[in-house]
Amino acid sequence: MDTPLLNFVAAIGIGLVIGVVGGFVLRGRSQSAMWMAPVLAIVGALVASGVAALFGDRSDYGYKEGALQVVLAVAGVVLAYLLTGRGASKAA
């Protein structure tokens, strides 16, 4: 498998897993968190792949890129938490 394709597939996989787990955790907070957390986590992981490519990571998929994808995917879930938290507090 080609390295850029592997990075892309790994980013989607990491973002999807973290986003689905985060969506289930945030489920009680807001219904929109169920779809927003996975979407933002996948976007965060894809941004991490782009950032790694910008800084010259052309080698095989490594732990640094994986760690950056996890961190930015979690940041996407946190962003979903903050966005749904504001909407839920206004409605209450």
Protein backbone atom coordinates (compact mmCIF):
# COMPACT_ATOMS: atom_id res chain seq x y z
CA MET A 1 0.00 0.00 0.00
CA ASP A 2 1.31 3.44 -0.89
CA THR A 3 2.43 5.58 2.06
CA PRO A 4 0.16 8.64 1.40
CA LEU A 5 -2.82 6.33 1.03
CA LEU A 6 -1.89 4.51 4.24
CA ASN A 7 -1.63 7.84 6.08
CA PHE A 8 -5.04 8.89 4.76
CA VAL A 9 -6.70 5.59 5.73
CA ALA A 10 -5.05 5.61 9.17
CA ALA A 11 -6.20 9.20 9.78
CA ILE A 12 -9.78 8.31 8.93
CA GLY A 13 -9.64 5.19 11.09
CA ILE A 14 -8.15 6.97 14.08
CA GLY A 15 -10.55 9.89 13.76
CA LEU A 16 -13.56 7.60 13.36
CA VAL A 17 -12.75 5.48 16.41
CA ILE A 18 -12.01 8.44 18.66
CA GLY A 19 -14.98 10.38 17.31
CA VAL A 20 -17.49 7.55 17.80
CA VAL A 21 -16.29 6.98 21.37
CA GLY A 22 -16.46 10.72 22.02
CA GLY A 23 -19.92 10.91 20.44
CA PHE A 24 -21.23 8.22 22.76
CA VAL A 25 -19.71 9.99 25.75
CA LEU A 26 -21.29 13.29 24.70
CA ARG A 27 -24.61 11.69 23.74
CA GLY A 28 -26.39 12.80 26.91
CA ARG A 29 -25.27 16.37 26.37
CA SER A 30 -26.80 16.89 22.94
CA GLN A 31 -28.08 14.82 20.04
CA SER A 32 -25.90 16.77 17.60
CA ALA A 33 -22.82 15.54 19.48
CA MET A 34 -23.44 12.05 18.09
CA TRP A 35 -22.56 13.18 14.56
CA MET A 36 -20.46 16.26 15.30
CA ALA A 37 -17.79 14.50 17.39
CA PRO A 38 -16.88 11.89 14.73
CA VAL A 39 -16.86 14.47 11.93
CA LEU A 40 -14.62 16.88 13.83
CA ALA A 41 -12.35 14.05 14.99
CA ILE A 42 -11.87 12.82 11.41
CA VAL A 43 -11.17 16.38 10.26
CA GLY A 44 -8.63 16.78 13.06
CA ALA A 45 -6.86 13.56 12.14
CA LEU A 46 -6.76 14.54 8.46
CA VAL A 47 -5.36 17.95 9.40
CA ALA A 48 -2.66 16.13 11.37
CA SER A 49 -1.71 14.16 8.26
CA GLY A 50 -1.53 17.39 6.29
CA VAL A 51 0.63 19.06 8.93
CA ALA A 52 2.96 16.06 8.99
CA ALA A 53 3.28 16.22 5.20
CA LEU A 54 4.00 19.96 5.36
CA PHE A 55 6.87 19.35 7.73
CA GLY A 56 8.40 16.79 5.43
CA ASP A 57 7.11 13.50 6.82
CA ARG A 58 7.42 11.51 3.60
CA SER A 59 8.60 8.31 5.26
CA ASP A 60 6.50 5.38 6.38
CA TYR A 61 3.67 5.91 8.81
CA GLY A 62 5.38 6.55 12.15
CA TYR A 63 4.50 7.03 15.76
CA LYS A 64 4.87 10.82 15.57
CA GLU A 65 2.21 11.17 12.90
CA GLY A 66 -0.04 8.71 14.71
CA ALA A 67 0.34 10.60 17.98
CA LEU A 68 -0.44 13.90 16.25
CA GLN A 69 -3.54 12.35 14.67
CA VAL A 70 -4.76 11.12 18.05
CA VAL A 71 -4.16 14.50 19.68
CA LEU A 72 -5.97 16.45 16.96
CA ALA A 73 -8.82 13.92 16.87
CA VAL A 74 -9.29 14.36 20.62
CA ALA A 75 -9.15 18.12 20.08
CA GLY A 76 -12.01 17.69 17.58
CA VAL A 77 -14.08 15.86 20.21
CA VAL A 78 -13.32 18.60 22.74
CA LEU A 79 -14.44 21.18 20.18
CA ALA A 80 -17.68 19.23 19.70
CA TYR A 81 -18.11 19.22 23.50
CA LEU A 82 -17.66 22.98 23.65
CA LEU A 83 -19.97 23.64 20.71
CA THR A 84 -22.77 21.39 21.96
CA GLY A 85 -22.33 22.64 25.52
CA ARG A 86 -23.13 26.21 24.52
CA GLY A 87 -26.22 25.16 22.58
CA ALA A 88 -27.46 22.96 25.40
CA SER A 89 -27.01 25.66 28.03
CA LYS A 90 -28.94 28.20 25.92
CA ALA A 91 -31.85 25.81 25.49
CA ALA A 92 -32.10 25.05 29.21
